[in-house]
N, C-alpha and C. Protein backbone atom coordinates (compact mmCIF):
# COMPACT_ATOMS: atom_id res chain seq x y z
N MET A 1 0.72 -1.13 0.07
CA MET A 1 0.17 -0.12 -0.25
C MET A 1 0.88 1.27 0.24
N LYS A 2 0.49 2.14 -0.76
CA LYS A 2 1.23 3.42 -0.86
C LYS A 2 0.86 4.48 0.38
N LYS A 3 1.70 5.20 0.71
CA LYS A 3 1.58 5.95 1.81
C LYS A 3 0.77 7.11 1.68
N TYR A 4 -0.29 7.56 2.38
CA TYR A 4 -1.02 8.60 2.06
C TYR A 4 -0.36 10.06 2.29
N THR A 5 -0.79 11.03 1.53
CA THR A 5 -0.30 12.25 1.88
C THR A 5 -0.86 13.21 2.51
N GLY A 6 -1.88 13.09 3.13
CA GLY A 6 -2.71 13.82 4.25
C GLY A 6 -3.94 13.22 4.66
N VAL A 7 -4.72 13.91 5.42
CA VAL A 7 -6.23 13.24 6.12
C VAL A 7 -6.77 14.70 6.02
N THR A 8 -8.33 14.57 5.80
CA THR A 8 -9.04 15.55 6.20
C THR A 8 -10.23 14.91 6.85
N PHE A 9 -11.09 15.67 7.83
CA PHE A 9 -11.93 15.21 8.86
C PHE A 9 -12.89 16.43 8.52
N GLN A 10 -14.54 15.95 8.42
CA GLN A 10 -15.22 17.24 8.32
C GLN A 10 -16.39 17.05 9.40
N VAL A 11 -16.66 18.50 9.61
CA VAL A 11 -17.65 18.43 10.64
C VAL A 11 -18.71 19.35 9.90
N ARG A 12 -20.02 19.18 10.45
CA ARG A 12 -21.01 20.03 9.60
C ARG A 12 -21.73 20.64 10.80
N VAL A 13 -22.08 21.78 10.42
CA VAL A 13 -22.93 23.02 11.44
C VAL A 13 -24.06 23.36 10.78
N THR A 14 -25.08 23.67 11.53
CA THR A 14 -26.37 23.94 10.79
C THR A 14 -26.31 25.55 10.80
N ASP A 15 -25.67 26.12 11.70
CA ASP A 15 -25.53 27.75 11.58
C ASP A 15 -23.86 27.71 11.33
N TYR A 16 -23.56 28.22 10.00
CA TYR A 16 -22.02 28.41 9.52
C TYR A 16 -21.41 29.60 10.35
N GLU A 17 -22.36 30.65 10.39
CA GLU A 17 -21.26 31.93 10.68
C GLU A 17 -20.97 31.46 12.48
N GLU A 18 -21.88 30.72 13.38
CA GLU A 18 -21.93 30.55 14.69
C GLU A 18 -20.77 29.44 14.73
N GLY A 19 -21.20 28.54 13.74
CA GLY A 19 -19.94 27.33 14.12
C GLY A 19 -18.71 27.62 13.77
N LEU A 20 -18.52 28.49 12.56
CA LEU A 20 -17.21 29.02 12.18
C LEU A 20 -16.59 30.12 13.54
N SER A 21 -17.30 30.57 14.04
CA SER A 21 -16.86 31.34 15.44
C SER A 21 -16.37 30.32 16.59
N TRP A 22 -17.22 29.30 16.75
CA TRP A 22 -17.01 28.42 17.67
C TRP A 22 -15.78 27.68 17.32
N TYR A 23 -15.30 27.27 15.95
CA TYR A 23 -14.22 26.48 15.89
C TYR A 23 -12.78 27.71 15.84
N LYS A 24 -13.18 28.81 15.69
CA LYS A 24 -12.12 29.78 15.69
C LYS A 24 -11.65 29.87 17.02
N THR A 25 -12.54 29.65 17.95
CA THR A 25 -12.24 30.13 19.43
C THR A 25 -11.68 28.68 19.94
N LEU A 26 -12.02 27.48 19.42
CA LEU A 26 -11.37 25.98 19.52
C LEU A 26 -10.01 26.27 19.35
N PHE A 27 -9.68 26.65 18.19
CA PHE A 27 -8.39 26.43 17.61
C PHE A 27 -7.64 27.83 17.84
N ASN A 28 -8.21 28.70 18.58
CA ASN A 28 -7.59 29.90 18.65
C ASN A 28 -6.98 30.83 17.74
N ARG A 29 -7.51 30.60 16.62
CA ARG A 29 -7.09 31.64 15.14
C ARG A 29 -8.19 31.28 14.13
N ASN A 30 -7.94 31.98 13.12
CA ASN A 30 -8.64 32.07 12.05
C ASN A 30 -8.66 30.62 10.94
N PRO A 31 -9.42 30.42 10.31
CA PRO A 31 -9.30 29.18 9.36
C PRO A 31 -8.08 29.14 8.04
N ASP A 32 -7.43 28.29 7.76
CA ASP A 32 -6.07 28.33 6.84
C ASP A 32 -6.66 28.60 5.49
N PHE A 33 -7.71 28.23 5.17
CA PHE A 33 -8.15 28.35 3.77
C PHE A 33 -9.79 28.16 3.99
N ILE A 34 -10.27 29.10 3.07
CA ILE A 34 -11.63 29.02 2.76
C ILE A 34 -11.75 29.14 1.05
N PRO A 35 -11.98 28.10 0.87
CA PRO A 35 -12.10 27.74 -0.55
C PRO A 35 -13.51 28.13 -1.25
N HIS A 36 -14.56 28.28 -0.49
CA HIS A 36 -16.00 28.89 -1.02
C HIS A 36 -16.70 28.94 -0.07
N GLU A 37 -17.83 29.58 -0.24
CA GLU A 37 -18.87 29.63 0.92
C GLU A 37 -19.56 28.51 1.50
N ASN A 38 -19.56 28.91 3.13
CA ASN A 38 -19.98 28.00 3.91
C ASN A 38 -19.01 26.80 4.09
N PHE A 39 -17.73 27.10 4.13
CA PHE A 39 -16.84 25.89 4.00
C PHE A 39 -15.29 26.57 4.37
N ALA A 40 -14.74 25.99 5.38
CA ALA A 40 -13.50 26.50 6.13
C ALA A 40 -12.65 25.62 6.52
N GLU A 41 -11.37 25.64 6.23
CA GLU A 41 -10.67 24.50 6.66
C GLU A 41 -9.29 24.77 7.73
N TRP A 42 -8.70 24.17 8.50
CA TRP A 42 -7.83 24.32 9.51
C TRP A 42 -6.75 23.14 9.15
N GLU A 43 -5.54 23.58 9.09
CA GLU A 43 -4.44 22.40 9.00
C GLU A 43 -4.21 22.44 10.53
N ILE A 44 -4.54 21.33 11.22
CA ILE A 44 -4.36 20.96 12.73
C ILE A 44 -2.86 20.88 12.61
N VAL A 45 -2.16 19.64 12.01
CA VAL A 45 -0.74 19.52 11.84
C VAL A 45 -0.67 19.11 10.38
N LYS A 46 0.61 18.88 9.85
CA LYS A 46 1.12 19.30 8.73
C LYS A 46 0.10 17.89 7.77
N GLY A 47 -0.49 18.41 7.00
CA GLY A 47 -1.30 17.42 5.91
C GLY A 47 -2.70 17.04 6.81
N THR A 48 -3.07 17.02 7.69
CA THR A 48 -4.19 16.76 8.52
C THR A 48 -5.03 18.23 8.79
N TRP A 49 -6.46 18.41 7.90
CA TRP A 49 -7.13 19.36 7.75
C TRP A 49 -8.44 19.05 8.52
N LEU A 50 -9.00 19.81 9.14
CA LEU A 50 -10.38 19.75 9.78
C LEU A 50 -11.42 20.83 8.74
N GLN A 51 -12.34 20.33 8.29
CA GLN A 51 -13.14 20.92 7.44
C GLN A 51 -14.52 21.51 8.09
N VAL A 52 -14.63 22.66 8.15
CA VAL A 52 -15.98 22.91 8.65
C VAL A 52 -16.94 23.12 7.70
N ALA A 53 -18.24 22.81 7.78
CA ALA A 53 -19.20 22.90 6.32
C ALA A 53 -20.63 23.17 6.85
N LYS A 54 -21.29 23.94 6.29
CA LYS A 54 -22.65 24.05 6.59
C LYS A 54 -23.47 22.79 6.19
N GLY A 55 -24.38 22.25 7.03
CA GLY A 55 -24.77 21.24 6.81
C GLY A 55 -25.67 20.63 7.84
N GLU A 56 -26.23 19.40 8.01
CA GLU A 56 -26.65 18.77 8.85
C GLU A 56 -25.60 17.72 9.71
N PRO A 57 -25.03 17.97 10.98
CA PRO A 57 -24.10 17.11 11.76
C PRO A 57 -24.61 15.80 11.47
N ALA A 58 -23.71 14.62 11.29
CA ALA A 58 -23.87 13.35 11.40
C ALA A 58 -23.71 13.13 12.61
N VAL A 59 -24.70 11.78 13.14
CA VAL A 59 -24.92 11.42 14.23
C VAL A 59 -23.81 10.40 14.36
N GLY A 60 -23.23 10.59 15.69
CA GLY A 60 -22.44 9.22 16.06
C GLY A 60 -20.85 9.39 15.61
N ASN A 61 -20.29 10.46 15.12
CA ASN A 61 -19.17 10.65 14.48
C ASN A 61 -18.60 10.95 15.70
N GLY A 62 -16.74 10.71 15.50
CA GLY A 62 -16.23 11.24 16.24
C GLY A 62 -15.91 10.35 17.42
N PRO A 63 -15.11 11.10 18.73
CA PRO A 63 -14.57 12.42 18.67
C PRO A 63 -13.41 12.50 17.85
N LEU A 64 -13.26 13.58 17.39
CA LEU A 64 -12.08 14.32 17.09
C LEU A 64 -11.42 14.90 18.12
N ARG A 65 -10.02 14.12 18.50
CA ARG A 65 -9.50 14.67 19.69
C ARG A 65 -8.05 15.31 18.72
N LEU A 66 -7.73 16.31 19.65
CA LEU A 66 -6.59 17.41 19.44
C LEU A 66 -5.38 17.19 20.45
N GLY A 67 -4.59 16.82 20.23
CA GLY A 67 -3.31 16.80 20.87
C GLY A 67 -2.88 18.23 21.58
N VAL A 68 -2.89 18.27 22.95
CA VAL A 68 -2.09 19.35 23.44
C VAL A 68 -0.92 19.06 24.56
N HIS A 69 -0.22 20.06 24.95
CA HIS A 69 0.83 19.88 25.76
C HIS A 69 0.59 19.94 27.22
N ASN A 70 -0.75 20.79 27.57
CA ASN A 70 -0.98 20.58 28.80
C ASN A 70 -2.90 20.59 28.83
N ILE A 71 -3.20 19.34 29.11
CA ILE A 71 -4.82 19.33 28.78
C ILE A 71 -5.53 20.11 29.80
N TYR A 72 -5.09 20.17 31.12
CA TYR A 72 -5.85 21.13 32.31
C TYR A 72 -5.73 22.40 31.85
N SER A 73 -4.78 23.05 31.29
CA SER A 73 -4.81 24.31 30.93
C SER A 73 -5.84 24.60 29.86
N GLU A 74 -5.59 23.74 28.71
CA GLU A 74 -6.37 23.95 27.48
C GLU A 74 -8.08 23.67 27.90
N ARG A 75 -8.14 22.69 28.58
CA ARG A 75 -9.39 22.41 29.04
C ARG A 75 -10.18 23.68 29.64
N GLU A 76 -9.34 24.39 30.58
CA GLU A 76 -9.98 25.47 31.11
C GLU A 76 -10.09 26.58 30.36
N ARG A 77 -9.13 26.79 29.44
CA ARG A 77 -9.39 27.91 28.50
C ARG A 77 -10.74 27.61 27.81
N LEU A 78 -10.78 26.60 27.46
CA LEU A 78 -11.92 26.15 26.30
C LEU A 78 -13.44 26.29 27.24
N ILE A 79 -13.20 25.75 28.40
CA ILE A 79 -14.52 25.96 29.17
C ILE A 79 -15.06 27.21 29.44
N GLU A 80 -14.17 28.26 29.78
CA GLU A 80 -14.21 29.66 29.85
C GLU A 80 -14.54 30.22 28.37
N SER A 81 -13.63 30.29 27.57
CA SER A 81 -14.01 30.92 26.03
C SER A 81 -14.85 30.38 25.44
N LEU A 82 -15.29 28.95 25.56
CA LEU A 82 -16.56 28.78 24.56
C LEU A 82 -17.74 28.49 25.46
N ASN A 83 -17.76 28.92 26.64
CA ASN A 83 -18.76 28.58 27.72
C ASN A 83 -19.29 27.54 27.52
N THR A 84 -18.67 26.41 27.71
CA THR A 84 -19.03 25.03 27.58
C THR A 84 -18.81 24.08 28.69
N THR A 85 -19.44 22.68 28.69
CA THR A 85 -19.14 21.85 29.83
C THR A 85 -18.16 21.11 29.28
N ILE A 86 -17.16 20.20 29.82
CA ILE A 86 -16.11 19.41 29.22
C ILE A 86 -15.88 18.24 30.22
N GLU A 87 -16.16 17.14 29.97
CA GLU A 87 -15.84 16.26 31.11
C GLU A 87 -14.47 16.27 31.85
N GLU A 88 -14.40 15.68 33.07
CA GLU A 88 -13.37 15.54 33.51
C GLU A 88 -12.04 14.66 32.97
N VAL A 89 -10.81 15.31 32.92
CA VAL A 89 -9.69 14.46 32.51
C VAL A 89 -9.84 13.36 32.68
N GLN A 90 -9.65 12.31 31.60
CA GLN A 90 -9.70 10.81 31.93
C GLN A 90 -8.30 10.46 31.80
N THR A 91 -7.87 9.22 32.68
CA THR A 91 -6.81 8.17 32.52
C THR A 91 -7.22 6.80 33.10
N ARG A 92 -6.09 5.99 31.93
CA ARG A 92 -6.49 4.71 32.69
C ARG A 92 -5.27 3.85 32.66
N GLU A 93 -5.06 3.38 33.93
CA GLU A 93 -3.79 2.61 33.93
C GLU A 93 -3.25 1.83 32.66
N GLY A 94 -2.04 2.14 32.63
CA GLY A 94 -1.26 1.53 31.32
C GLY A 94 -1.54 2.01 29.97
N VAL A 95 -2.20 3.28 30.04
CA VAL A 95 -2.49 4.11 28.63
C VAL A 95 -1.48 5.41 28.96
N PRO A 96 -0.91 5.53 28.31
CA PRO A 96 -0.12 6.61 28.26
C PRO A 96 -0.52 8.14 27.68
N ALA A 97 -1.58 8.25 28.08
CA ALA A 97 -2.41 9.44 27.57
C ALA A 97 -3.47 9.74 28.64
N ALA A 98 -4.02 10.90 28.40
CA ALA A 98 -5.01 11.74 29.35
C ALA A 98 -5.97 12.25 28.23
N TRP A 99 -7.04 12.24 28.62
CA TRP A 99 -8.13 12.70 27.45
C TRP A 99 -9.40 13.17 28.07
N CYS A 100 -10.18 14.09 27.36
CA CYS A 100 -11.57 14.39 27.60
C CYS A 100 -12.37 14.80 26.43
N THR A 101 -13.70 14.88 26.64
CA THR A 101 -14.35 14.81 25.22
C THR A 101 -15.76 15.89 25.78
N PHE A 102 -15.91 16.53 24.55
CA PHE A 102 -17.32 17.61 24.72
C PHE A 102 -17.59 17.68 23.42
N SER A 103 -18.91 18.35 22.97
CA SER A 103 -19.47 18.73 22.10
C SER A 103 -19.20 20.05 21.72
N ASP A 104 -19.44 20.07 20.23
CA ASP A 104 -19.40 21.16 19.74
C ASP A 104 -21.15 21.58 19.59
N PRO A 105 -21.58 23.20 19.50
CA PRO A 105 -23.12 23.38 19.60
C PRO A 105 -24.01 22.49 18.64
N TYR A 106 -23.42 21.75 17.82
CA TYR A 106 -24.24 20.95 16.84
C TYR A 106 -24.41 19.24 17.05
N GLY A 107 -23.64 18.89 18.16
CA GLY A 107 -23.54 17.57 18.56
C GLY A 107 -22.58 16.89 17.99
N ASN A 108 -21.41 17.39 17.14
CA ASN A 108 -20.36 16.84 16.73
C ASN A 108 -19.10 16.49 18.04
N SER A 109 -18.79 15.23 18.29
CA SER A 109 -18.07 15.29 19.63
C SER A 109 -16.50 15.44 19.22
N VAL A 110 -16.17 16.27 19.91
CA VAL A 110 -14.67 16.94 20.09
C VAL A 110 -13.81 16.52 21.15
N GLY A 111 -12.68 16.40 21.33
CA GLY A 111 -12.07 16.31 22.78
C GLY A 111 -10.47 16.47 22.44
N LEU A 112 -9.70 16.62 23.43
CA LEU A 112 -8.56 16.86 23.81
C LEU A 112 -7.84 15.62 24.25
N PHE A 113 -6.38 15.24 24.07
CA PHE A 113 -5.66 14.37 24.44
C PHE A 113 -4.30 14.85 25.08
N GLU A 114 -3.58 14.57 25.75
CA GLU A 114 -2.11 14.65 26.07
C GLU A 114 -1.50 13.46 26.31
N GLU A 115 -0.28 13.29 25.43
CA GLU A 115 0.64 12.13 25.46
C GLU A 115 1.18 12.47 26.97
N LEU A 116 1.03 11.38 28.10
CA LEU A 116 1.72 11.32 29.05
C LEU A 116 3.36 11.23 29.26
N ASP A 117 3.79 10.20 28.47
CA ASP A 117 5.21 9.90 28.35
C ASP A 117 6.02 10.75 27.43
N ALA A 118 5.48 11.98 26.85
CA ALA A 118 5.98 12.44 25.91
C ALA A 118 7.02 13.52 26.35
C-alpha cells in the first residue's frame, strides 16, 4: 500500500457563522483556507485538515481529539472561552495518555488528549 499524503475530517454545522466562530475559538485562530462559501479549513498538523461545512451534523461521529501539551490548562481555556461543559480529564492504568471529550453546539464530538510519556 502506498503512503497517504494527508487526511481531512469534516464536521457539519447548521449555523455556519456561529459554527465558524466556535471553531475559531477552539483553535484560537482563523481558518487557514476558505475555498468557497460556507466551508472553512484548518490545518491541524502538517497534512491533516479539519473542514467545517454548513449542513446537518452526522450523528455518532467522532470524537475528533486534538493533542495538546497541557490538557488541564487547555480544558480550562475552552470552558471559559466557549462557555461550555467539558468532562473531567480521564486516564487509565497502562495507557500513556489523558483525554476529555465534549461537543460542539451541533452535536459533533470533539476532545483533547495529552501524551503522558512525551
